[in-house]
N, C-alpha and C. Protein backbone atom coordinates (compact mmCIF):
# COMPACT_ATOMS: atom_id res chain seq x y z
N UNK A 1 -17.23 8.63 1.19
CA UNK A 1 -15.85 9.02 1.09
C UNK A 1 -15.50 9.25 -0.39
N UNK A 2 -14.78 10.32 -0.69
CA UNK A 2 -14.44 10.70 -2.05
C UNK A 2 -12.98 10.37 -2.33
N UNK A 3 -12.66 9.08 -2.45
CA UNK A 3 -11.28 8.65 -2.65
C UNK A 3 -10.83 8.92 -4.08
N UNK A 4 -9.53 9.23 -4.22
CA UNK A 4 -8.93 9.51 -5.51
C UNK A 4 -7.67 8.67 -5.67
N UNK A 5 -7.37 8.33 -6.93
CA UNK A 5 -6.10 7.69 -7.24
C UNK A 5 -5.29 8.67 -8.05
N UNK A 6 -4.05 8.87 -7.62
CA UNK A 6 -3.12 9.72 -8.36
C UNK A 6 -2.12 8.80 -9.04
N UNK A 7 -1.90 9.04 -10.33
CA UNK A 7 -0.82 8.39 -11.07
C UNK A 7 0.10 9.51 -11.53
N UNK A 8 1.36 9.40 -11.17
CA UNK A 8 2.34 10.42 -11.57
C UNK A 8 3.49 9.73 -12.27
N UNK A 9 3.89 10.30 -13.40
CA UNK A 9 5.03 9.79 -14.16
C UNK A 9 6.15 10.80 -14.00
N UNK A 10 7.25 10.37 -13.35
CA UNK A 10 8.35 11.29 -13.04
C UNK A 10 9.68 10.66 -13.44
N UNK A 11 10.68 11.51 -13.53
CA UNK A 11 12.02 11.02 -13.83
C UNK A 11 12.53 10.17 -12.67
N UNK A 12 13.24 9.14 -13.01
CA UNK A 12 13.75 8.17 -12.04
C UNK A 12 14.61 8.83 -10.96
N UNK A 13 15.40 9.83 -11.33
CA UNK A 13 16.28 10.46 -10.35
C UNK A 13 15.56 11.37 -9.37
N UNK A 14 14.26 11.57 -9.51
CA UNK A 14 13.48 12.41 -8.60
C UNK A 14 12.57 11.61 -7.67
N UNK A 15 12.40 10.32 -7.93
CA UNK A 15 11.40 9.54 -7.19
C UNK A 15 11.72 9.41 -5.71
N UNK A 16 12.98 9.30 -5.33
CA UNK A 16 13.32 9.16 -3.91
C UNK A 16 12.86 10.38 -3.12
N UNK A 17 13.07 11.57 -3.66
CA UNK A 17 12.62 12.79 -2.97
C UNK A 17 11.10 12.86 -2.90
N UNK A 18 10.43 12.44 -3.97
CA UNK A 18 8.97 12.46 -3.99
C UNK A 18 8.42 11.51 -2.93
N UNK A 19 8.91 10.28 -2.90
CA UNK A 19 8.43 9.28 -1.93
C UNK A 19 8.74 9.73 -0.51
N UNK A 20 9.91 10.29 -0.29
CA UNK A 20 10.27 10.77 1.05
C UNK A 20 9.32 11.86 1.53
N UNK A 21 9.01 12.81 0.65
CA UNK A 21 8.08 13.89 1.01
C UNK A 21 6.68 13.36 1.29
N UNK A 22 6.21 12.44 0.46
CA UNK A 22 4.88 11.85 0.68
C UNK A 22 4.83 11.04 1.97
N UNK A 23 5.87 10.26 2.22
CA UNK A 23 5.93 9.45 3.46
C UNK A 23 5.95 10.35 4.68
N UNK A 24 6.74 11.42 4.63
CA UNK A 24 6.81 12.36 5.76
C UNK A 24 5.47 13.02 6.05
N UNK A 25 4.66 13.17 5.00
CA UNK A 25 3.33 13.77 5.15
C UNK A 25 2.26 12.75 5.53
N UNK A 26 2.67 11.49 5.71
CA UNK A 26 1.74 10.46 6.17
C UNK A 26 1.06 9.65 5.08
N UNK A 27 1.46 9.80 3.85
CA UNK A 27 0.87 9.00 2.77
C UNK A 27 1.50 7.61 2.78
N UNK A 28 0.67 6.58 2.83
CA UNK A 28 1.18 5.21 2.92
C UNK A 28 0.69 4.30 1.80
N UNK A 29 -0.42 4.61 1.18
CA UNK A 29 -0.99 3.75 0.15
C UNK A 29 -0.41 4.12 -1.21
N UNK A 30 0.86 3.72 -1.43
CA UNK A 30 1.49 4.07 -2.68
C UNK A 30 2.31 2.93 -3.24
N UNK A 31 2.47 2.96 -4.56
CA UNK A 31 3.29 1.98 -5.28
C UNK A 31 4.21 2.74 -6.21
N UNK A 32 5.38 2.16 -6.46
CA UNK A 32 6.36 2.75 -7.35
C UNK A 32 6.76 1.68 -8.36
N UNK A 33 6.62 2.01 -9.66
CA UNK A 33 6.85 1.03 -10.71
C UNK A 33 7.73 1.65 -11.80
N UNK A 34 8.80 0.94 -12.20
CA UNK A 34 9.61 1.38 -13.33
C UNK A 34 8.86 1.10 -14.62
N UNK A 35 8.80 2.09 -15.51
CA UNK A 35 8.15 1.93 -16.80
C UNK A 35 9.01 2.60 -17.87
N UNK A 36 8.81 2.22 -19.11
CA UNK A 36 9.45 2.91 -20.22
C UNK A 36 8.50 3.97 -20.72
N UNK A 37 9.04 5.17 -20.96
CA UNK A 37 8.17 6.24 -21.41
C UNK A 37 8.88 7.22 -22.31
N UNK A 38 8.14 8.24 -22.68
CA UNK A 38 8.62 9.20 -23.66
C UNK A 38 8.86 10.59 -23.08
N UNK A 39 9.06 10.68 -21.76
CA UNK A 39 9.44 11.97 -21.19
C UNK A 39 10.73 12.43 -21.83
N UNK A 40 10.94 13.73 -21.88
CA UNK A 40 12.18 14.27 -22.42
C UNK A 40 13.33 13.86 -21.52
N UNK A 41 14.36 13.29 -22.11
CA UNK A 41 15.52 12.83 -21.35
C UNK A 41 16.28 14.03 -20.79
N UNK A 42 16.82 13.85 -19.59
CA UNK A 42 17.66 14.88 -18.99
C UNK A 42 18.99 14.97 -19.71
N UNK A 43 19.48 13.83 -20.19
CA UNK A 43 20.69 13.78 -21.00
C UNK A 43 20.68 12.50 -21.83
N UNK A 44 21.64 12.37 -22.74
CA UNK A 44 21.65 11.22 -23.65
C UNK A 44 21.86 9.89 -22.93
N UNK A 45 22.50 9.90 -21.77
CA UNK A 45 22.73 8.66 -21.01
C UNK A 45 21.42 8.06 -20.51
N UNK A 46 20.42 8.90 -20.34
CA UNK A 46 19.13 8.45 -19.82
C UNK A 46 18.30 7.74 -20.89
N UNK A 47 18.61 7.96 -22.16
CA UNK A 47 17.82 7.40 -23.25
C UNK A 47 18.35 6.06 -23.74
N UNK A 48 17.44 5.27 -24.25
CA UNK A 48 17.79 4.04 -24.93
C UNK A 48 16.77 3.83 -26.05
N UNK A 49 17.16 3.11 -27.07
CA UNK A 49 16.24 2.85 -28.17
C UNK A 49 15.42 1.61 -27.86
N UNK A 50 14.11 1.72 -27.99
CA UNK A 50 13.21 0.60 -27.77
C UNK A 50 12.78 0.02 -29.11
N UNK A 51 13.16 -1.22 -29.35
CA UNK A 51 12.77 -1.90 -30.59
C UNK A 51 11.25 -2.08 -30.61
N UNK A 52 10.65 -2.40 -29.48
CA UNK A 52 9.20 -2.62 -29.40
C UNK A 52 8.40 -1.36 -29.74
N UNK A 53 8.88 -0.23 -29.26
CA UNK A 53 8.15 1.03 -29.47
C UNK A 53 8.61 1.72 -30.75
N UNK A 54 9.85 1.49 -31.15
CA UNK A 54 10.38 2.07 -32.37
C UNK A 54 10.90 3.48 -32.21
N UNK A 55 11.25 3.86 -30.99
CA UNK A 55 11.84 5.17 -30.76
C UNK A 55 12.59 5.21 -29.45
N UNK A 56 13.25 6.33 -29.18
CA UNK A 56 14.02 6.46 -27.95
C UNK A 56 13.07 6.64 -26.77
N UNK A 57 13.39 5.96 -25.68
CA UNK A 57 12.60 6.02 -24.45
C UNK A 57 13.54 6.24 -23.28
N UNK A 58 12.95 6.55 -22.13
CA UNK A 58 13.71 6.58 -20.89
C UNK A 58 12.99 5.69 -19.89
N UNK A 59 13.70 5.28 -18.86
CA UNK A 59 13.04 4.58 -17.76
C UNK A 59 12.50 5.65 -16.83
N UNK A 60 11.18 5.73 -16.79
CA UNK A 60 10.48 6.66 -15.91
C UNK A 60 9.98 5.85 -14.72
N UNK A 61 9.42 6.56 -13.76
CA UNK A 61 8.79 5.89 -12.63
C UNK A 61 7.33 6.31 -12.58
N UNK A 62 6.46 5.30 -12.47
CA UNK A 62 5.03 5.58 -12.27
C UNK A 62 4.74 5.41 -10.79
N UNK A 63 4.27 6.48 -10.19
CA UNK A 63 3.88 6.47 -8.78
C UNK A 63 2.36 6.37 -8.74
N UNK A 64 1.85 5.42 -8.01
CA UNK A 64 0.40 5.30 -7.82
C UNK A 64 0.11 5.52 -6.35
N UNK A 65 -0.84 6.39 -6.06
CA UNK A 65 -1.13 6.81 -4.70
C UNK A 65 -2.63 6.94 -4.51
N UNK A 66 -3.14 6.42 -3.42
CA UNK A 66 -4.56 6.55 -3.09
C UNK A 66 -4.72 7.57 -1.98
N UNK A 67 -5.63 8.53 -2.19
CA UNK A 67 -5.90 9.58 -1.21
C UNK A 67 -7.34 9.44 -0.72
N UNK A 68 -7.53 9.67 0.57
CA UNK A 68 -8.84 9.46 1.20
C UNK A 68 -9.85 10.56 0.91
N UNK A 69 -9.37 11.77 0.62
CA UNK A 69 -10.30 12.88 0.39
C UNK A 69 -9.65 13.96 -0.47
N UNK A 70 -10.43 14.97 -0.79
CA UNK A 70 -9.97 16.03 -1.71
C UNK A 70 -8.79 16.82 -1.15
N UNK A 71 -8.80 17.12 0.13
CA UNK A 71 -7.70 17.91 0.69
C UNK A 71 -6.38 17.13 0.68
N UNK A 72 -6.45 15.83 0.94
CA UNK A 72 -5.23 15.00 0.87
C UNK A 72 -4.76 14.86 -0.58
N UNK A 73 -5.70 14.81 -1.52
CA UNK A 73 -5.34 14.75 -2.94
C UNK A 73 -4.60 16.02 -3.34
N UNK A 74 -5.11 17.16 -2.94
CA UNK A 74 -4.47 18.44 -3.24
C UNK A 74 -3.08 18.51 -2.62
N UNK A 75 -2.96 18.04 -1.38
CA UNK A 75 -1.66 18.04 -0.70
C UNK A 75 -0.65 17.14 -1.43
N UNK A 76 -1.09 15.94 -1.82
CA UNK A 76 -0.20 15.01 -2.52
C UNK A 76 0.25 15.59 -3.86
N UNK A 77 -0.66 16.18 -4.60
CA UNK A 77 -0.31 16.78 -5.89
C UNK A 77 0.74 17.87 -5.69
N UNK A 78 0.55 18.68 -4.69
CA UNK A 78 1.50 19.76 -4.40
C UNK A 78 2.89 19.20 -4.07
N UNK A 79 2.94 18.16 -3.24
CA UNK A 79 4.22 17.55 -2.87
C UNK A 79 4.91 16.92 -4.08
N UNK A 80 4.14 16.24 -4.91
CA UNK A 80 4.72 15.61 -6.10
C UNK A 80 5.28 16.69 -7.03
N UNK A 81 4.51 17.73 -7.28
CA UNK A 81 4.97 18.80 -8.18
C UNK A 81 6.24 19.46 -7.64
N UNK A 82 6.27 19.70 -6.34
CA UNK A 82 7.44 20.35 -5.74
C UNK A 82 8.69 19.50 -5.83
N UNK A 83 8.57 18.20 -5.56
CA UNK A 83 9.75 17.33 -5.45
C UNK A 83 10.10 16.57 -6.73
N UNK A 84 9.26 16.62 -7.74
CA UNK A 84 9.54 15.92 -8.99
C UNK A 84 10.15 16.83 -10.06
N UNK A 85 10.31 18.10 -9.75
CA UNK A 85 10.83 19.02 -10.75
C UNK A 85 12.27 18.68 -11.12
N UNK A 86 12.59 18.93 -12.39
CA UNK A 86 13.93 18.64 -12.91
C UNK A 86 14.61 19.88 -13.47
N UNK A 87 13.90 20.99 -13.53
CA UNK A 87 14.43 22.18 -14.18
C UNK A 87 13.97 22.29 -15.62
N UNK A 88 13.39 21.22 -16.15
CA UNK A 88 12.84 21.24 -17.51
C UNK A 88 11.43 21.82 -17.48
N UNK A 89 10.98 22.28 -18.63
CA UNK A 89 9.61 22.79 -18.73
C UNK A 89 8.60 21.68 -18.43
N UNK A 90 8.87 20.50 -18.97
CA UNK A 90 7.97 19.35 -18.77
C UNK A 90 8.76 18.23 -18.08
N UNK A 91 8.49 18.03 -16.80
CA UNK A 91 9.24 17.03 -16.03
C UNK A 91 8.42 15.78 -15.71
N UNK A 92 7.20 15.70 -16.22
CA UNK A 92 6.35 14.55 -15.95
C UNK A 92 4.89 14.95 -15.98
N UNK A 93 4.04 14.02 -15.57
CA UNK A 93 2.60 14.25 -15.60
C UNK A 93 1.95 13.65 -14.37
N UNK A 94 0.87 14.28 -13.92
CA UNK A 94 0.08 13.78 -12.80
C UNK A 94 -1.35 13.62 -13.31
N UNK A 95 -1.94 12.45 -13.04
CA UNK A 95 -3.33 12.17 -13.42
C UNK A 95 -4.10 11.82 -12.15
N UNK A 96 -5.33 12.28 -12.06
CA UNK A 96 -6.18 12.01 -10.89
C UNK A 96 -7.48 11.37 -11.37
N UNK A 97 -7.84 10.25 -10.73
CA UNK A 97 -9.06 9.52 -11.07
C UNK A 97 -9.88 9.26 -9.82
N UNK A 98 -11.19 9.18 -10.00
CA UNK A 98 -12.08 8.79 -8.91
C UNK A 98 -11.97 7.29 -8.66
N UNK A 99 -12.06 6.91 -7.41
CA UNK A 99 -12.13 5.49 -7.04
C UNK A 99 -13.58 5.21 -6.65
N UNK A 100 -14.20 4.28 -7.34
CA UNK A 100 -15.60 3.97 -7.07
C UNK A 100 -15.78 3.10 -5.84
N UNK A 101 -14.83 2.22 -5.57
CA UNK A 101 -14.93 1.38 -4.38
C UNK A 101 -13.54 0.93 -3.96
N UNK A 102 -13.46 0.54 -2.71
CA UNK A 102 -12.20 0.05 -2.14
C UNK A 102 -12.53 -1.13 -1.24
N UNK A 103 -11.86 -2.25 -1.47
CA UNK A 103 -12.12 -3.46 -0.70
C UNK A 103 -10.83 -3.89 -0.01
N UNK A 104 -10.87 -3.95 1.29
CA UNK A 104 -9.67 -4.35 2.06
C UNK A 104 -9.42 -5.84 1.92
N UNK A 105 -8.16 -6.23 1.79
CA UNK A 105 -7.80 -7.64 1.69
C UNK A 105 -7.33 -8.12 3.07
């Protein structure tokens, strides 16, 4: 099995639509985590200054998703890209990694 892990960093106001689209398509192995990041803010209200980082950040959402095969990976990427758009040139990033093993708990 050629499992993949997708990590996507998207704006907080888009995550509900992304998760809804993925859930409707049958994706279940996913996590959603609030993180501080350097995506371009949609407006000044979205930004805050981080003393730890030393610059303005926004609260982004990191979506982690496991896909069972290449076709499901392609489908998930397409859904994320479609539903995470903000109208900006750069609305986030998607990263794909191979999973070497998976152990059920």
